[in-house]
């Protein structure tokens, strides 16, 4: 259940700017490895999620392209939040959270070449 739920939340995160996608896909892979061999195999064989999950499982690594994509997406989301949110502290809080996540992502190693 956790694997399917987190995958669903991750898919929703593709279209919602504040909801992260990658952590929920990784959580889904983690849960599927322990409860659904079929879902885990499907996630690993998918060309979009497979390499990311394998890099994380084998090395705790995040590819540089993914780091830049995440950073850019969070920066755009922060700018949109400040432009459209009438309550400034909401935009500030979300931006602080995204800054923390971005820092954590950049502190992860990159997969071996």
PDB file of N, CA and C in Angstrom:
ATOM      1  N   UNK A   1       0.834  -1.197   0.000  1.00  0.00           N
ATOM      2  CA  UNK A   1       0.000   0.000   0.000  1.00  0.00           C
ATOM      3  C   UNK A   1       0.870   1.249   0.000  1.00  0.00           C
ATOM      4  N   UNK A   2       1.923   1.267   0.842  1.00  0.00           N
ATOM      5  CA  UNK A   2       2.795   2.434   0.911  1.00  0.00           C
ATOM      6  C   UNK A   2       3.473   2.687  -0.427  1.00  0.00           C
ATOM      7  N   UNK A   3       3.870   1.632  -1.113  1.00  0.00           N
ATOM      8  CA  UNK A   3       4.541   1.776  -2.407  1.00  0.00           C
ATOM      9  C   UNK A   3       3.619   2.440  -3.425  1.00  0.00           C
ATOM     10  N   UNK A   4       2.399   1.978  -3.515  1.00  0.00           N
ATOM     11  CA  UNK A   4       1.457   2.544  -4.476  1.00  0.00           C
ATOM     12  C   UNK A   4       1.049   3.963  -4.075  1.00  0.00           C
ATOM     13  N   UNK A   5       0.835   4.183  -2.787  1.00  0.00           N
ATOM     14  CA  UNK A   5       0.464   5.522  -2.310  1.00  0.00           C
ATOM     15  C   UNK A   5       1.567   6.533  -2.613  1.00  0.00           C
ATOM     16  N   UNK A   6       2.815   6.186  -2.271  1.00  0.00           N
ATOM     17  CA  UNK A   6       3.911   7.134  -2.489  1.00  0.00           C
ATOM     18  C   UNK A   6       4.168   7.344  -3.980  1.00  0.00           C
ATOM     19  N   UNK A   7       3.963   6.322  -4.796  1.00  0.00           N
ATOM     20  CA  UNK A   7       4.102   6.495  -6.236  1.00  0.00           C
ATOM     21  C   UNK A   7       3.024   7.454  -6.747  1.00  0.00           C
ATOM     22  N   UNK A   8       1.814   7.291  -6.253  1.00  0.00           N
ATOM     23  CA  UNK A   8       0.727   8.194  -6.641  1.00  0.00           C
ATOM     24  C   UNK A   8       1.016   9.636  -6.243  1.00  0.00           C
ATOM     25  N   UNK A   9       1.516   9.836  -5.026  1.00  0.00           N
ATOM     26  CA  UNK A   9       1.858  11.183  -4.572  1.00  0.00           C
ATOM     27  C   UNK A   9       3.001  11.741  -5.422  1.00  0.00           C
ATOM     28  N   UNK A  10       3.960  10.909  -5.747  1.00  0.00           N
ATOM     29  CA  UNK A  10       5.054  11.340  -6.612  1.00  0.00           C
ATOM     30  C   UNK A  10       4.569  11.760  -7.988  1.00  0.00           C
ATOM     31  N   UNK A  11       3.619  11.030  -8.539  1.00  0.00           N
ATOM     32  CA  UNK A  11       3.068  11.392  -9.842  1.00  0.00           C
ATOM     33  C   UNK A  11       2.297  12.701  -9.773  1.00  0.00           C
ATOM     34  N   UNK A  12       1.593  12.918  -8.677  1.00  0.00           N
ATOM     35  CA  UNK A  12       0.900  14.199  -8.481  1.00  0.00           C
ATOM     36  C   UNK A  12       1.926  15.329  -8.390  1.00  0.00           C
ATOM     37  N   UNK A  13       3.079  15.025  -7.779  1.00  0.00           N
ATOM     38  CA  UNK A  13       4.137  16.024  -7.644  1.00  0.00           C
ATOM     39  C   UNK A  13       4.706  16.503  -8.968  1.00  0.00           C
ATOM     40  N   UNK A  14       4.474  15.759 -10.028  1.00  0.00           N
ATOM     41  CA  UNK A  14       4.935  16.197 -11.351  1.00  0.00           C
ATOM     42  C   UNK A  14       4.228  17.486 -11.750  1.00  0.00           C
ATOM     43  N   UNK A  15       2.948  17.608 -11.405  1.00  0.00           N
ATOM     44  CA  UNK A  15       2.175  18.784 -11.818  1.00  0.00           C
ATOM     45  C   UNK A  15       2.017  19.825 -10.715  1.00  0.00           C
ATOM     46  N   UNK A  16       2.209  19.449  -9.454  1.00  0.00           N
ATOM     47  CA  UNK A  16       2.122  20.422  -8.368  1.00  0.00           C
ATOM     48  C   UNK A  16       3.522  20.914  -8.015  1.00  0.00           C
ATOM     49  N   UNK A  17       3.756  22.212  -8.102  1.00  0.00           N
ATOM     50  CA  UNK A  17       5.122  22.712  -7.956  1.00  0.00           C
ATOM     51  C   UNK A  17       5.742  22.559  -6.577  1.00  0.00           C
ATOM     52  N   UNK A  18       4.968  22.512  -5.516  1.00  0.00           N
ATOM     53  CA  UNK A  18       5.549  22.457  -4.176  1.00  0.00           C
ATOM     54  C   UNK A  18       5.794  21.026  -3.710  1.00  0.00           C
ATOM     55  N   UNK A  19       5.129  20.072  -4.335  1.00  0.00           N
ATOM     56  CA  UNK A  19       5.231  18.669  -3.927  1.00  0.00           C
ATOM     57  C   UNK A  19       6.385  17.994  -4.671  1.00  0.00           C
ATOM     58  N   UNK A  20       7.394  17.493  -3.947  1.00  0.00           N
ATOM     59  CA  UNK A  20       8.529  16.866  -4.636  1.00  0.00           C
ATOM     60  C   UNK A  20       8.157  15.506  -5.212  1.00  0.00           C
ATOM     61  N   UNK A  21       8.754  15.169  -6.332  1.00  0.00           N
ATOM     62  CA  UNK A  21       8.471  13.900  -6.995  1.00  0.00           C
ATOM     63  C   UNK A  21       9.474  12.819  -6.614  1.00  0.00           C
ATOM     64  N   UNK A  22      10.752  13.138  -6.707  1.00  0.00           N
ATOM     65  CA  UNK A  22      11.809  12.141  -6.543  1.00  0.00           C
ATOM     66  C   UNK A  22      11.764  11.432  -5.185  1.00  0.00           C
ATOM     67  N   UNK A  23      11.621  12.142  -4.061  1.00  0.00           N
ATOM     68  CA  UNK A  23      11.599  11.409  -2.780  1.00  0.00           C
ATOM     69  C   UNK A  23      10.457  10.402  -2.688  1.00  0.00           C
ATOM     70  N   UNK A  24       9.312  10.740  -3.286  1.00  0.00           N
ATOM     71  CA  UNK A  24       8.190   9.812  -3.221  1.00  0.00           C
ATOM     72  C   UNK A  24       8.397   8.612  -4.141  1.00  0.00           C
ATOM     73  N   UNK A  25       9.053   8.810  -5.269  1.00  0.00           N
ATOM     74  CA  UNK A  25       9.366   7.673  -6.148  1.00  0.00           C
ATOM     75  C   UNK A  25      10.381   6.756  -5.464  1.00  0.00           C
ATOM     76  N   UNK A  26      11.383   7.354  -4.812  1.00  0.00           N
ATOM     77  CA  UNK A  26      12.361   6.537  -4.089  1.00  0.00           C
ATOM     78  C   UNK A  26      11.708   5.785  -2.927  1.00  0.00           C
ATOM     79  N   UNK A  27      10.800   6.441  -2.211  1.00  0.00           N
ATOM     80  CA  UNK A  27      10.067   5.767  -1.134  1.00  0.00           C
ATOM     81  C   UNK A  27       9.233   4.628  -1.700  1.00  0.00           C
ATOM     82  N   UNK A  28       8.626   4.865  -2.845  1.00  0.00           N
ATOM     83  CA  UNK A  28       7.837   3.813  -3.488  1.00  0.00           C
ATOM     84  C   UNK A  28       8.708   2.610  -3.832  1.00  0.00           C
ATOM     85  N   UNK A  29       9.900   2.868  -4.375  1.00  0.00           N
ATOM     86  CA  UNK A  29      10.820   1.773  -4.711  1.00  0.00           C
ATOM     87  C   UNK A  29      11.252   1.027  -3.458  1.00  0.00           C
ATOM     88  N   UNK A  30      11.528   1.767  -2.385  1.00  0.00           N
ATOM     89  CA  UNK A  30      11.921   1.158  -1.113  1.00  0.00           C
ATOM     90  C   UNK A  30      10.814   0.241  -0.593  1.00  0.00           C
ATOM     91  N   UNK A  31       9.587   0.753  -0.584  1.00  0.00           N
ATOM     92  CA  UNK A  31       8.467  -0.044  -0.074  1.00  0.00           C
ATOM     93  C   UNK A  31       8.159  -1.219  -1.004  1.00  0.00           C
ATOM     94  N   UNK A  32       8.241  -0.986  -2.308  1.00  0.00           N
ATOM     95  CA  UNK A  32       7.951  -2.066  -3.264  1.00  0.00           C
ATOM     96  C   UNK A  32       8.973  -3.189  -3.162  1.00  0.00           C
ATOM     97  N   UNK A  33      10.219  -2.851  -2.866  1.00  0.00           N
ATOM     98  CA  UNK A  33      11.250  -3.886  -2.735  1.00  0.00           C
ATOM     99  C   UNK A  33      10.931  -4.827  -1.589  1.00  0.00           C
ATOM    100  N   UNK A  34      10.148  -4.368  -0.634  1.00  0.00           N
ATOM    101  CA  UNK A  34       9.802  -5.185   0.515  1.00  0.00           C
ATOM    102  C   UNK A  34       8.391  -5.767   0.460  1.00  0.00           C
ATOM    103  N   UNK A  35       7.572  -5.293  -0.507  1.00  0.00           N
ATOM    104  CA  UNK A  35       6.200  -5.762  -0.494  1.00  0.00           C
ATOM    105  C   UNK A  35       5.596  -6.105  -1.842  1.00  0.00           C
ATOM    106  N   UNK A  36       6.175  -5.602  -2.935  1.00  0.00           N
ATOM    107  CA  UNK A  36       5.594  -5.864  -4.243  1.00  0.00           C
ATOM    108  C   UNK A  36       6.718  -6.033  -5.267  1.00  0.00           C
ATOM    109  N   UNK A  37       7.088  -7.274  -5.492  1.00  0.00           N
ATOM    110  CA  UNK A  37       8.155  -7.552  -6.455  1.00  0.00           C
ATOM    111  C   UNK A  37       7.793  -7.050  -7.848  1.00  0.00           C
ATOM    112  N   UNK A  38       6.521  -7.144  -8.193  1.00  0.00           N
ATOM    113  CA  UNK A  38       6.076  -6.724  -9.519  1.00  0.00           C
ATOM    114  C   UNK A  38       6.239  -5.209  -9.707  1.00  0.00           C
ATOM    115  N   UNK A  39       5.800  -4.405  -8.722  1.00  0.00           N
ATOM    116  CA  UNK A  39       5.945  -2.951  -8.809  1.00  0.00           C
ATOM    117  C   UNK A  39       7.414  -2.557  -8.778  1.00  0.00           C
ATOM    118  N   UNK A  40       8.198  -3.207  -7.938  1.00  0.00           N
ATOM    119  CA  UNK A  40       9.621  -2.894  -7.846  1.00  0.00           C
ATOM    120  C   UNK A  40      10.315  -3.171  -9.182  1.00  0.00           C
ATOM    121  N   UNK A  41      10.022  -4.284  -9.798  1.00  0.00           N
ATOM    122  CA  UNK A  41      10.610  -4.612 -11.097  1.00  0.00           C
ATOM    123  C   UNK A  41      10.167  -3.601 -12.159  1.00  0.00           C
ATOM    124  N   UNK A  42       8.916  -3.194 -12.093  1.00  0.00           N
ATOM    125  CA  UNK A  42       8.407  -2.218 -13.058  1.00  0.00           C
ATOM    126  C   UNK A  42       9.091  -0.865 -12.890  1.00  0.00           C
ATOM    127  N   UNK A  43       9.279  -0.422 -11.643  1.00  0.00           N
ATOM    128  CA  UNK A  43       9.968   0.846 -11.391  1.00  0.00           C
ATOM    129  C   UNK A  43      11.415   0.793 -11.873  1.00  0.00           C
ATOM    130  N   UNK A  44      12.086  -0.330 -11.624  1.00  0.00           N
ATOM    131  CA  UNK A  44      13.486  -0.468 -12.048  1.00  0.00           C
ATOM    132  C   UNK A  44      13.631  -0.566 -13.564  1.00  0.00           C
ATOM    133  N   UNK A  45      12.642  -1.126 -14.248  1.00  0.00           N
ATOM    134  CA  UNK A  45      12.737  -1.274 -15.701  1.00  0.00           C
ATOM    135  C   UNK A  45      12.273  -0.027 -16.452  1.00  0.00           C
ATOM    136  N   UNK A  46      11.599   0.882 -15.780  1.00  0.00           N
ATOM    137  CA  UNK A  46      11.129   2.102 -16.435  1.00  0.00           C
ATOM    138  C   UNK A  46      12.326   2.987 -16.794  1.00  0.00           C
ATOM    139  N   UNK A  47      12.397   3.468 -18.028  1.00  0.00           N
ATOM    140  CA  UNK A  47      13.557   4.279 -18.422  1.00  0.00           C
ATOM    141  C   UNK A  47      13.642   5.624 -17.700  1.00  0.00           C
ATOM    142  N   UNK A  48      12.531   6.120 -17.158  1.00  0.00           N
ATOM    143  CA  UNK A  48      12.552   7.401 -16.443  1.00  0.00           C
ATOM    144  C   UNK A  48      12.935   7.238 -14.985  1.00  0.00           C
ATOM    145  N   UNK A  49      12.479   6.189 -14.347  1.00  0.00           N
ATOM    146  CA  UNK A  49      12.729   6.022 -12.912  1.00  0.00           C
ATOM    147  C   UNK A  49      13.827   5.016 -12.601  1.00  0.00           C
ATOM    148  N   UNK A  50      14.046   4.057 -13.485  1.00  0.00           N
ATOM    149  CA  UNK A  50      15.004   2.988 -13.228  1.00  0.00           C
ATOM    150  C   UNK A  50      16.418   3.453 -12.916  1.00  0.00           C
ATOM    151  N   UNK A  51      17.027   4.274 -13.771  1.00  0.00           N
ATOM    152  CA  UNK A  51      18.398   4.705 -13.488  1.00  0.00           C
ATOM    153  C   UNK A  51      18.515   5.490 -12.169  1.00  0.00           C
ATOM    154  N   UNK A  52      17.542   6.352 -11.903  1.00  0.00           N
ATOM    155  CA  UNK A  52      17.557   7.138 -10.674  1.00  0.00           C
ATOM    156  C   UNK A  52      17.475   6.219  -9.444  1.00  0.00           C
ATOM    157  N   UNK A  53      16.604   5.251  -9.486  1.00  0.00           N
ATOM    158  CA  UNK A  53      16.432   4.341  -8.353  1.00  0.00           C
ATOM    159  C   UNK A  53      17.675   3.472  -8.167  1.00  0.00           C
ATOM    160  N   UNK A  54      18.216   2.944  -9.271  1.00  0.00           N
ATOM    161  CA  UNK A  54      19.428   2.117  -9.172  1.00  0.00           C
ATOM    162  C   UNK A  54      20.605   2.921  -8.618  1.00  0.00           C
ATOM    163  N   UNK A  55      20.784   4.155  -9.089  1.00  0.00           N
ATOM    164  CA  UNK A  55      21.863   5.005  -8.558  1.00  0.00           C
ATOM    165  C   UNK A  55      21.695   5.221  -7.061  1.00  0.00           C
ATOM    166  N   UNK A  56      20.462   5.450  -6.642  1.00  0.00           N
ATOM    167  CA  UNK A  56      20.207   5.688  -5.213  1.00  0.00           C
ATOM    168  C   UNK A  56      20.438   4.425  -4.403  1.00  0.00           C
ATOM    169  N   UNK A  57      19.920   3.287  -4.878  1.00  0.00           N
ATOM    170  CA  UNK A  57      20.046   2.043  -4.129  1.00  0.00           C
ATOM    171  C   UNK A  57      21.496   1.561  -4.046  1.00  0.00           C
ATOM    172  N   UNK A  58      22.250   1.717  -5.113  1.00  0.00           N
ATOM    173  CA  UNK A  58      23.616   1.197  -5.140  1.00  0.00           C
ATOM    174  C   UNK A  58      24.642   2.139  -4.530  1.00  0.00           C
ATOM    175  N   UNK A  59      24.428   3.452  -4.680  1.00  0.00           N
ATOM    176  CA  UNK A  59      25.462   4.400  -4.267  1.00  0.00           C
ATOM    177  C   UNK A  59      24.960   5.538  -3.390  1.00  0.00           C
ATOM    178  N   UNK A  60      23.644   5.633  -3.150  1.00  0.00           N
ATOM    179  CA  UNK A  60      23.100   6.797  -2.440  1.00  0.00           C
ATOM    180  C   UNK A  60      23.361   8.060  -3.238  1.00  0.00           C
ATOM    181  N   UNK A  61      23.362   7.929  -4.564  1.00  0.00           N
ATOM    182  CA  UNK A  61      23.802   9.000  -5.447  1.00  0.00           C
ATOM    183  C   UNK A  61      22.649   9.611  -6.237  1.00  0.00           C
ATOM    184  N   UNK A  62      22.850  10.881  -6.600  1.00  0.00           N
ATOM    185  CA  UNK A  62      21.906  11.600  -7.451  1.00  0.00           C
ATOM    186  C   UNK A  62      22.707  12.184  -8.613  1.00  0.00           C
ATOM    187  N   UNK A  63      22.252  11.942  -9.836  1.00  0.00           N
ATOM    188  CA  UNK A  63      22.955  12.412 -11.025  1.00  0.00           C
ATOM    189  C   UNK A  63      22.989  13.936 -11.075  1.00  0.00           C
ATOM    190  N   UNK A  64      24.054  14.467 -11.643  1.00  0.00           N
ATOM    191  CA  UNK A  64      24.210  15.930 -11.726  1.00  0.00           C
ATOM    192  C   UNK A  64      23.068  16.563 -12.511  1.00  0.00           C
ATOM    193  N   UNK A  65      22.625  15.926 -13.572  1.00  0.00           N
ATOM    194  CA  UNK A  65      21.503  16.461 -14.359  1.00  0.00           C
ATOM    195  C   UNK A  65      20.246  16.572 -13.496  1.00  0.00           C
ATOM    196  N   UNK A  66      19.998  15.577 -12.678  1.00  0.00           N
ATOM    197  CA  UNK A  66      18.839  15.601 -11.784  1.00  0.00           C
ATOM    198  C   UNK A  66      18.980  16.706 -10.736  1.00  0.00           C
ATOM    199  N   UNK A  67      20.201  16.918 -10.268  1.00  0.00           N
ATOM    200  CA  UNK A  67      20.438  17.989  -9.295  1.00  0.00           C
ATOM    201  C   UNK A  67      20.124  19.352  -9.905  1.00  0.00           C
ATOM    202  N   UNK A  68      20.604  19.580 -11.129  1.00  0.00           N
ATOM    203  CA  UNK A  68      20.343  20.850 -11.790  1.00  0.00           C
ATOM    204  C   UNK A  68      18.859  21.017 -12.100  1.00  0.00           C
ATOM    205  N   UNK A  69      18.216  19.943 -12.528  1.00  0.00           N
ATOM    206  CA  UNK A  69      16.787  20.005 -12.823  1.00  0.00           C
ATOM    207  C   UNK A  69      15.985  20.317 -11.565  1.00  0.00           C
ATOM    208  N   UNK A  70      16.327  19.674 -10.461  1.00  0.00           N
ATOM    209  CA  UNK A  70      15.635  19.929  -9.198  1.00  0.00           C
ATOM    210  C   UNK A  70      15.854  21.366  -8.734  1.00  0.00           C
ATOM    211  N   UNK A  71      17.095  21.842  -8.843  1.00  0.00           N
ATOM    212  CA  UNK A  71      17.418  23.206  -8.433  1.00  0.00           C
ATOM    213  C   UNK A  71      16.642  24.223  -9.271  1.00  0.00           C
ATOM    214  N   UNK A  72      16.634  24.024 -10.571  1.00  0.00           N
ATOM    215  CA  UNK A  72      15.904  24.937 -11.451  1.00  0.00           C
ATOM    216  C   UNK A  72      14.413  24.935 -11.187  1.00  0.00           C
ATOM    217  N   UNK A  73      13.858  23.747 -10.997  1.00  0.00           N
ATOM    218  CA  UNK A  73      12.431  23.632 -10.723  1.00  0.00           C
ATOM    219  C   UNK A  73      12.070  24.323  -9.412  1.00  0.00           C
ATOM    220  N   UNK A  74      12.892  24.118  -8.379  1.00  0.00           N
ATOM    221  CA  UNK A  74      12.614  24.759  -7.092  1.00  0.00           C
ATOM    222  C   UNK A  74      12.746  26.275  -7.193  1.00  0.00           C
ATOM    223  N   UNK A  75      13.702  26.758  -7.964  1.00  0.00           N
ATOM    224  CA  UNK A  75      13.872  28.206  -8.131  1.00  0.00           C
ATOM    225  C   UNK A  75      12.656  28.814  -8.831  1.00  0.00           C
ATOM    226  N   UNK A  76      12.171  28.159  -9.877  1.00  0.00           N
ATOM    227  CA  UNK A  76      10.982  28.641 -10.580  1.00  0.00           C
ATOM    228  C   UNK A  76       9.775  28.618  -9.645  1.00  0.00           C
ATOM    229  N   UNK A  77       9.633  27.541  -8.875  1.00  0.00           N
ATOM    230  CA  UNK A  77       8.515  27.440  -7.926  1.00  0.00           C
ATOM    231  C   UNK A  77       8.578  28.550  -6.879  1.00  0.00           C
ATOM    232  N   UNK A  78       9.765  28.844  -6.382  1.00  0.00           N
ATOM    233  CA  UNK A  78       9.907  29.911  -5.391  1.00  0.00           C
ATOM    234  C   UNK A  78       9.514  31.253  -6.001  1.00  0.00           C
ATOM    235  N   UNK A  79       9.955  31.510  -7.228  1.00  0.00           N
ATOM    236  CA  UNK A  79       9.601  32.771  -7.886  1.00  0.00           C
ATOM    237  C   UNK A  79       8.087  32.887  -8.090  1.00  0.00           C
ATOM    238  N   UNK A  80       7.458  31.791  -8.513  1.00  0.00           N
ATOM    239  CA  UNK A  80       6.005  31.796  -8.709  1.00  0.00           C
ATOM    240  C   UNK A  80       5.297  32.016  -7.374  1.00  0.00           C
ATOM    241  N   UNK A  81       5.780  31.359  -6.331  1.00  0.00           N
ATOM    242  CA  UNK A  81       5.161  31.543  -5.011  1.00  0.00           C
ATOM    243  C   UNK A  81       5.206  32.998  -4.569  1.00  0.00           C
ATOM    244  N   UNK A  82       6.360  33.631  -4.714  1.00  0.00           N
ATOM    245  CA  UNK A  82       6.471  35.030  -4.307  1.00  0.00           C
ATOM    246  C   UNK A  82       5.618  35.938  -5.182  1.00  0.00           C
ATOM    247  N   UNK A  83       5.399  35.545  -6.430  1.00  0.00           N
ATOM    248  CA  UNK A  83       4.605  36.370  -7.343  1.00  0.00           C
ATOM    249  C   UNK A  83       3.104  36.259  -7.091  1.00  0.00           C
ATOM    250  N   UNK A  84       2.635  35.081  -6.678  1.00  0.00           N
ATOM    251  CA  UNK A  84       1.183  34.871  -6.593  1.00  0.00           C
ATOM    252  C   UNK A  84       0.633  34.669  -5.187  1.00  0.00           C
ATOM    253  N   UNK A  85       1.477  34.401  -4.212  1.00  0.00           N
ATOM    254  CA  UNK A  85       0.979  34.120  -2.867  1.00  0.00           C
ATOM    255  C   UNK A  85       0.729  35.420  -2.111  1.00  0.00           C
ATOM    256  N   UNK A  86      -0.491  35.628  -1.649  1.00  0.00           N
ATOM    257  CA  UNK A  86      -0.772  36.875  -0.923  1.00  0.00           C
ATOM    258  C   UNK A  86      -0.180  36.898   0.491  1.00  0.00           C
ATOM    259  N   UNK A  87       0.145  35.738   1.039  1.00  0.00           N
ATOM    260  CA  UNK A  87       0.706  35.668   2.389  1.00  0.00           C
ATOM    261  C   UNK A  87       2.202  35.391   2.250  1.00  0.00           C
ATOM    262  N   UNK A  88       3.007  36.403   2.556  1.00  0.00           N
ATOM    263  CA  UNK A  88       4.445  36.329   2.311  1.00  0.00           C
ATOM    264  C   UNK A  88       5.103  35.185   3.083  1.00  0.00           C
ATOM    265  N   UNK A  89       4.679  34.943   4.327  1.00  0.00           N
ATOM    266  CA  UNK A  89       5.353  33.916   5.125  1.00  0.00           C
ATOM    267  C   UNK A  89       5.171  32.524   4.528  1.00  0.00           C
ATOM    268  N   UNK A  90       4.103  32.311   3.765  1.00  0.00           N
ATOM    269  CA  UNK A  90       3.913  31.017   3.102  1.00  0.00           C
ATOM    270  C   UNK A  90       5.001  30.834   2.032  1.00  0.00           C
ATOM    271  N   UNK A  91       5.222  31.870   1.251  1.00  0.00           N
ATOM    272  CA  UNK A  91       6.262  31.802   0.221  1.00  0.00           C
ATOM    273  C   UNK A  91       7.647  31.673   0.855  1.00  0.00           C
ATOM    274  N   UNK A  92       7.886  32.407   1.933  1.00  0.00           N
ATOM    275  CA  UNK A  92       9.178  32.333   2.612  1.00  0.00           C
ATOM    276  C   UNK A  92       9.392  30.931   3.189  1.00  0.00           C
ATOM    277  N   UNK A  93       8.382  30.394   3.857  1.00  0.00           N
ATOM    278  CA  UNK A  93       8.490  29.061   4.449  1.00  0.00           C
ATOM    279  C   UNK A  93       8.746  27.994   3.403  1.00  0.00           C
ATOM    280  N   UNK A  94       8.006  28.045   2.302  1.00  0.00           N
ATOM    281  CA  UNK A  94       8.195  27.057   1.236  1.00  0.00           C
ATOM    282  C   UNK A  94       9.583  27.199   0.610  1.00  0.00           C
ATOM    283  N   UNK A  95      10.040  28.434   0.457  1.00  0.00           N
ATOM    284  CA  UNK A  95      11.361  28.661  -0.127  1.00  0.00           C
ATOM    285  C   UNK A  95      12.465  28.170   0.805  1.00  0.00           C
ATOM    286  N   UNK A  96      12.304  28.372   2.097  1.00  0.00           N
ATOM    287  CA  UNK A  96      13.288  27.863   3.056  1.00  0.00           C
ATOM    288  C   UNK A  96      13.326  26.338   2.997  1.00  0.00           C
ATOM    289  N   UNK A  97      12.162  25.711   2.936  1.00  0.00           N
ATOM    290  CA  UNK A  97      12.092  24.256   2.830  1.00  0.00           C
ATOM    291  C   UNK A  97      12.780  23.776   1.550  1.00  0.00           C
ATOM    292  N   UNK A  98      12.468  24.436   0.427  1.00  0.00           N
ATOM    293  CA  UNK A  98      13.080  24.029  -0.847  1.00  0.00           C
ATOM    294  C   UNK A  98      14.591  24.250  -0.837  1.00  0.00           C
ATOM    295  N   UNK A  99      15.039  25.306  -0.163  1.00  0.00           N
ATOM    296  CA  UNK A  99      16.477  25.552  -0.052  1.00  0.00           C
ATOM    297  C   UNK A  99      17.150  24.426   0.728  1.00  0.00           C
ATOM    298  N   UNK A 100      16.504  23.974   1.785  1.00  0.00           N
ATOM    299  CA  UNK A 100      17.035  22.847   2.557  1.00  0.00           C
ATOM    300  C   UNK A 100      17.095  21.579   1.727  1.00  0.00           C
ATOM    301  N   UNK A 101      16.047  21.311   0.974  1.00  0.00           N
ATOM    302  CA  UNK A 101      16.026  20.128   0.115  1.00  0.00           C
ATOM    303  C   UNK A 101      17.088  20.225  -0.977  1.00  0.00           C
ATOM    304  N   UNK A 102      17.231  21.407  -1.540  1.00  0.00           N
ATOM    305  CA  UNK A 102      18.233  21.612  -2.592  1.00  0.00           C
ATOM    306  C   UNK A 102      19.642  21.387  -2.043  1.00  0.00           C
ATOM    307  N   UNK A 103      19.885  21.898  -0.852  1.00  0.00           N
ATOM    308  CA  UNK A 103      21.193  21.704  -0.223  1.00  0.00           C
ATOM    309  C   UNK A 103      21.452  20.220   0.006  1.00  0.00           C
ATOM    310  N   UNK A 104      20.455  19.510   0.518  1.00  0.00           N
ATOM    311  CA  UNK A 104      20.591  18.078   0.761  1.00  0.00           C
ATOM    312  C   UNK A 104      20.890  17.336  -0.548  1.00  0.00           C
ATOM    313  N   UNK A 105      20.194  17.698  -1.613  1.00  0.00           N
ATOM    314  CA  UNK A 105      20.404  17.038  -2.905  1.00  0.00           C
ATOM    315  C   UNK A 105      21.837  17.247  -3.389  1.00  0.00           C
ATOM    316  N   UNK A 106      22.357  18.481  -3.267  1.00  0.00           N
ATOM    317  CA  UNK A 106      23.709  18.765  -3.748  1.00  0.00           C
ATOM    318  C   UNK A 106      24.776  18.128  -2.879  1.00  0.00           C
ATOM    319  N   UNK A 107      24.436  17.777  -1.638  1.00  0.00           N
ATOM    320  CA  UNK A 107      25.397  17.088  -0.772  1.00  0.00           C
ATOM    321  C   UNK A 107      25.471  15.589  -1.048  1.00  0.00           C
ATOM    322  N   UNK A 108      24.535  15.049  -1.814  1.00  0.00           N
ATOM    323  CA  UNK A 108      24.556  13.636  -2.208  1.00  0.00           C
ATOM    324  C   UNK A 108      25.663  13.424  -3.231  1.00  0.00           C
ATOM    325  N   UNK A 109      26.329  12.275  -3.183  1.00  0.00           N
ATOM    326  CA  UNK A 109      27.353  12.003  -4.204  1.00  0.00           C
ATOM    327  C   UNK A 109      26.723  11.796  -5.572  1.00  0.00           C
ATOM    328  N   UNK A 110      27.555  11.877  -6.589  1.00  0.00           N
ATOM    329  CA  UNK A 110      27.090  11.586  -7.947  1.00  0.00           C
ATOM    330  C   UNK A 110      27.447  10.146  -8.279  1.00  0.00           C
ATOM    331  N   UNK A 111      26.648   9.502  -9.121  1.00  0.00           N
ATOM    332  CA  UNK A 111      26.945   8.095  -9.449  1.00  0.00           C
ATOM    333  C   UNK A 111      28.273   7.987 -10.202  1.00  0.00           C
ATOM    334  N   UNK A 112      28.964   6.864 -10.048  1.00  0.00           N
ATOM    335  CA  UNK A 112      30.215   6.681 -10.782  1.00  0.00           C
ATOM    336  C   UNK A 112      29.962   6.683 -12.290  1.00  0.00           C
ATOM    337  N   UNK A 113      30.931   7.141 -13.022  1.00  0.00           N
ATOM    338  CA  UNK A 113      30.788   7.248 -14.499  1.00  0.00           C
ATOM    339  C   UNK A 113      30.762   5.890 -15.168  1.00  0.00           C
TER     340      UNK A 113
END
